[in-house]
């Protein structure tokens, strides 16, 4: 690892956190690895809870999500006060990425969740149409 990687700031890793299971998986909980990283600001318990609550929707939407990596970046320029959030969503055979910016971490997380939700649903729709189109002929 280079020196830049080590100075990126503290990393908080939670393995795993349990989410409510979707109705099709009654009796099981979806386990997702959530990795939180912060650059340019301190990672607080409030940020961690907020990320868990907002990203729980992604894990409910696709039960095959295995890992969510969240990077929260604070602005160094005081004129550009706000936060950037980057999320990488790993699932078998596919990785989704989204970035959001906002005045605070909550607003940026809302943008990221909306973008990831759109990516995951369109990917699922493509898989369903491909599966159903194979039987026509």
C-alpha atoms as a PDB file:
ATOM      1  CA  UNK A   1       0.000   0.000   0.000  1.00  0.00           C
ATOM      2  CA  UNK A   2       1.207   3.466  -0.837  1.00  0.00           C
ATOM      3  CA  UNK A   3       1.326   6.354   1.592  1.00  0.00           C
ATOM      4  CA  UNK A   4      -1.748   7.960   0.036  1.00  0.00           C
ATOM      5  CA  UNK A   5      -3.833   4.895   0.841  1.00  0.00           C
ATOM      6  CA  UNK A   6      -2.780   4.859   4.474  1.00  0.00           C
ATOM      7  CA  UNK A   7      -3.588   8.546   4.972  1.00  0.00           C
ATOM      8  CA  UNK A   8      -7.099   8.210   3.560  1.00  0.00           C
ATOM      9  CA  UNK A   9      -8.524   8.276   7.072  1.00  0.00           C
ATOM     10  CA  UNK A  10     -10.160   5.831   9.428  1.00  0.00           C
ATOM     11  CA  UNK A  11     -12.205   3.014   8.001  1.00  0.00           C
ATOM     12  CA  UNK A  12     -15.144   1.520   9.835  1.00  0.00           C
ATOM     13  CA  UNK A  13     -16.094  -1.955   8.747  1.00  0.00           C
ATOM     14  CA  UNK A  14     -19.220  -3.739   9.848  1.00  0.00           C
ATOM     15  CA  UNK A  15     -19.490  -7.439   9.053  1.00  0.00           C
ATOM     16  CA  UNK A  16     -22.329  -8.248   8.516  1.00  0.00           C
ATOM     17  CA  UNK A  17     -25.483  -6.365   9.351  1.00  0.00           C
ATOM     18  CA  UNK A  18     -28.845  -8.074   9.173  1.00  0.00           C
ATOM     19  CA  UNK A  19     -31.668  -6.690   7.116  1.00  0.00           C
ATOM     20  CA  UNK A  20     -35.296  -7.744   7.089  1.00  0.00           C
ATOM     21  CA  UNK A  21     -35.841 -10.508   4.569  1.00  0.00           C
ATOM     22  CA  UNK A  22     -38.096  -9.942   1.557  1.00  0.00           C
ATOM     23  CA  UNK A  23     -41.445 -11.721   1.541  1.00  0.00           C
ATOM     24  CA  UNK A  24     -40.146 -14.417  -0.811  1.00  0.00           C
ATOM     25  CA  UNK A  25     -37.446 -15.301   1.735  1.00  0.00           C
ATOM     26  CA  UNK A  26     -39.586 -15.587   4.850  1.00  0.00           C
ATOM     27  CA  UNK A  27     -37.663 -16.948   7.792  1.00  0.00           C
ATOM     28  CA  UNK A  28     -34.250 -15.763   6.560  1.00  0.00           C
ATOM     29  CA  UNK A  29     -32.409 -12.498   6.990  1.00  0.00           C
ATOM     30  CA  UNK A  30     -30.327 -11.015   4.208  1.00  0.00           C
ATOM     31  CA  UNK A  31     -26.746 -10.581   5.398  1.00  0.00           C
ATOM     32  CA  UNK A  32     -24.824  -7.798   3.703  1.00  0.00           C
ATOM     33  CA  UNK A  33     -21.262  -6.667   4.328  1.00  0.00           C
ATOM     34  CA  UNK A  34     -21.280  -2.893   4.807  1.00  0.00           C
ATOM     35  CA  UNK A  35     -17.938  -1.077   4.535  1.00  0.00           C
ATOM     36  CA  UNK A  36     -17.902   2.603   5.464  1.00  0.00           C
ATOM     37  CA  UNK A  37     -14.970   4.891   4.657  1.00  0.00           C
ATOM     38  CA  UNK A  38     -14.627   8.613   5.316  1.00  0.00           C
ATOM     39  CA  UNK A  39     -12.210  11.080   3.720  1.00  0.00           C
ATOM     40  CA  UNK A  40     -11.853  14.630   4.943  1.00  0.00           C
ATOM     41  CA  UNK A  41     -14.236  14.204   7.872  1.00  0.00           C
ATOM     42  CA  UNK A  42     -14.773  12.030  10.910  1.00  0.00           C
ATOM     43  CA  UNK A  43     -17.117   9.077  10.607  1.00  0.00           C
ATOM     44  CA  UNK A  44     -19.747   9.353  13.335  1.00  0.00           C
ATOM     45  CA  UNK A  45     -22.242   6.860  14.703  1.00  0.00           C
ATOM     46  CA  UNK A  46     -25.020   9.026  13.246  1.00  0.00           C
ATOM     47  CA  UNK A  47     -23.536   8.670   9.753  1.00  0.00           C
ATOM     48  CA  UNK A  48     -23.209   4.921  10.216  1.00  0.00           C
ATOM     49  CA  UNK A  49     -26.840   4.554  11.315  1.00  0.00           C
ATOM     50  CA  UNK A  50     -28.026   6.796   8.483  1.00  0.00           C
ATOM     51  CA  UNK A  51     -26.111   4.728   5.906  1.00  0.00           C
ATOM     52  CA  UNK A  52     -27.500   1.469   7.329  1.00  0.00           C
ATOM     53  CA  UNK A  53     -31.086   2.758   7.230  1.00  0.00           C
ATOM     54  CA  UNK A  54     -30.907   4.212   3.718  1.00  0.00           C
ATOM     55  CA  UNK A  55     -28.993   1.312   2.152  1.00  0.00           C
ATOM     56  CA  UNK A  56     -31.291  -1.306   3.675  1.00  0.00           C
ATOM     57  CA  UNK A  57     -33.641  -0.541   0.773  1.00  0.00           C
ATOM     58  CA  UNK A  58     -31.003  -1.728  -1.728  1.00  0.00           C
ATOM     59  CA  UNK A  59     -30.541  -5.038   0.066  1.00  0.00           C
ATOM     60  CA  UNK A  60     -34.318  -5.558   0.193  1.00  0.00           C
ATOM     61  CA  UNK A  61     -34.601  -4.752  -3.515  1.00  0.00           C
ATOM     62  CA  UNK A  62     -32.029  -7.373  -4.520  1.00  0.00           C
ATOM     63  CA  UNK A  63     -31.430 -10.178  -2.010  1.00  0.00           C
ATOM     64  CA  UNK A  64     -28.270 -11.260  -3.881  1.00  0.00           C
ATOM     65  CA  UNK A  65     -26.358  -8.134  -2.863  1.00  0.00           C
ATOM     66  CA  UNK A  66     -23.303  -9.344  -0.964  1.00  0.00           C
ATOM     67  CA  UNK A  67     -21.344  -6.184  -0.173  1.00  0.00           C
ATOM     68  CA  UNK A  68     -21.942  -2.431  -0.055  1.00  0.00           C
ATOM     69  CA  UNK A  69     -18.921  -0.118   0.041  1.00  0.00           C
ATOM     70  CA  UNK A  70     -19.723   3.459   1.049  1.00  0.00           C
ATOM     71  CA  UNK A  71     -17.195   6.277   0.784  1.00  0.00           C
ATOM     72  CA  UNK A  72     -18.135   9.618   2.318  1.00  0.00           C
ATOM     73  CA  UNK A  73     -15.976  12.535   1.166  1.00  0.00           C
ATOM     74  CA  UNK A  74     -16.043  15.922   2.870  1.00  0.00           C
ATOM     75  CA  UNK A  75     -15.299  19.028   0.802  1.00  0.00           C
ATOM     76  CA  UNK A  76     -11.922  20.611   1.513  1.00  0.00           C
ATOM     77  CA  UNK A  77     -12.965  23.933  -0.010  1.00  0.00           C
ATOM     78  CA  UNK A  78     -15.185  25.923   2.391  1.00  0.00           C
ATOM     79  CA  UNK A  79     -17.052  27.487  -0.544  1.00  0.00           C
ATOM     80  CA  UNK A  80     -18.101  24.033  -1.680  1.00  0.00           C
ATOM     81  CA  UNK A  81     -19.427  22.937   1.687  1.00  0.00           C
ATOM     82  CA  UNK A  82     -21.266  19.667   1.480  1.00  0.00           C
ATOM     83  CA  UNK A  83     -20.652  15.964   1.134  1.00  0.00           C
ATOM     84  CA  UNK A  84     -20.093  13.481  -1.646  1.00  0.00           C
ATOM     85  CA  UNK A  85     -21.081   9.860  -1.227  1.00  0.00           C
ATOM     86  CA  UNK A  86     -19.914   7.038  -3.486  1.00  0.00           C
ATOM     87  CA  UNK A  87     -21.428   3.566  -3.143  1.00  0.00           C
ATOM     88  CA  UNK A  88     -20.305   0.358  -4.816  1.00  0.00           C
ATOM     89  CA  UNK A  89     -22.799  -2.502  -4.694  1.00  0.00           C
ATOM     90  CA  UNK A  90     -21.352  -5.978  -5.290  1.00  0.00           C
ATOM     91  CA  UNK A  91     -23.483  -8.929  -6.295  1.00  0.00           C
ATOM     92  CA  UNK A  92     -22.576 -12.073  -8.227  1.00  0.00           C
ATOM     93  CA  UNK A  93     -21.698 -11.300 -11.860  1.00  0.00           C
ATOM     94  CA  UNK A  94     -22.516  -7.609 -11.560  1.00  0.00           C
ATOM     95  CA  UNK A  95     -21.275  -4.483  -9.780  1.00  0.00           C
ATOM     96  CA  UNK A  96     -23.273  -1.261  -9.527  1.00  0.00           C
ATOM     97  CA  UNK A  97     -21.793   2.139  -8.700  1.00  0.00           C
ATOM     98  CA  UNK A  98     -23.386   5.476  -7.907  1.00  0.00           C
ATOM     99  CA  UNK A  99     -22.270   8.881  -6.687  1.00  0.00           C
ATOM    100  CA  UNK A 100     -24.319  11.604  -5.025  1.00  0.00           C
ATOM    101  CA  UNK A 101     -23.656  15.109  -3.765  1.00  0.00           C
ATOM    102  CA  UNK A 102     -25.612  17.138  -1.267  1.00  0.00           C
ATOM    103  CA  UNK A 103     -25.480  19.744   1.463  1.00  0.00           C
ATOM    104  CA  UNK A 104     -25.287  16.948   4.003  1.00  0.00           C
ATOM    105  CA  UNK A 105     -24.622  13.213   4.058  1.00  0.00           C
ATOM    106  CA  UNK A 106     -28.335  12.362   4.228  1.00  0.00           C
ATOM    107  CA  UNK A 107     -29.165  14.210   1.019  1.00  0.00           C
ATOM    108  CA  UNK A 108     -26.227  12.654  -0.816  1.00  0.00           C
ATOM    109  CA  UNK A 109     -27.254   9.172   0.393  1.00  0.00           C
ATOM    110  CA  UNK A 110     -30.790   9.753  -0.875  1.00  0.00           C
ATOM    111  CA  UNK A 111     -29.423  10.506  -4.353  1.00  0.00           C
ATOM    112  CA  UNK A 112     -27.192   7.435  -4.299  1.00  0.00           C
ATOM    113  CA  UNK A 113     -30.001   5.118  -3.199  1.00  0.00           C
ATOM    114  CA  UNK A 114     -32.277   6.454  -5.942  1.00  0.00           C
ATOM    115  CA  UNK A 115     -29.600   5.919  -8.610  1.00  0.00           C
ATOM    116  CA  UNK A 116     -28.702   2.431  -7.410  1.00  0.00           C
ATOM    117  CA  UNK A 117     -32.377   1.485  -7.247  1.00  0.00           C
ATOM    118  CA  UNK A 118     -32.825   2.555 -10.864  1.00  0.00           C
ATOM    119  CA  UNK A 119     -29.757   0.572 -11.985  1.00  0.00           C
ATOM    120  CA  UNK A 120     -30.793  -2.602 -10.151  1.00  0.00           C
ATOM    121  CA  UNK A 121     -34.404  -2.545 -11.363  1.00  0.00           C
ATOM    122  CA  UNK A 122     -33.419  -1.927 -14.995  1.00  0.00           C
ATOM    123  CA  UNK A 123     -30.873  -4.759 -14.787  1.00  0.00           C
ATOM    124  CA  UNK A 124     -33.555  -7.079 -13.376  1.00  0.00           C
ATOM    125  CA  UNK A 125     -35.975  -6.072 -16.123  1.00  0.00           C
ATOM    126  CA  UNK A 126     -33.349  -6.838 -18.763  1.00  0.00           C
ATOM    127  CA  UNK A 127     -32.745 -10.272 -17.264  1.00  0.00           C
ATOM    128  CA  UNK A 128     -36.487 -11.017 -17.179  1.00  0.00           C
ATOM    129  CA  UNK A 129     -37.070  -9.961 -20.792  1.00  0.00           C
ATOM    130  CA  UNK A 130     -34.075 -12.002 -21.937  1.00  0.00           C
ATOM    131  CA  UNK A 131     -35.339 -15.038 -20.044  1.00  0.00           C
ATOM    132  CA  UNK A 132     -38.868 -14.741 -21.471  1.00  0.00           C
ATOM    133  CA  UNK A 133     -37.714 -13.924 -25.019  1.00  0.00           C
ATOM    134  CA  UNK A 134     -35.796 -17.211 -25.227  1.00  0.00           C
ATOM    135  CA  UNK A 135     -39.024 -19.256 -25.234  1.00  0.00           C
ATOM    136  CA  UNK A 136     -40.654 -17.407 -28.117  1.00  0.00           C
ATOM    137  CA  UNK A 137     -40.083 -18.869 -31.546  1.00  0.00           C
END
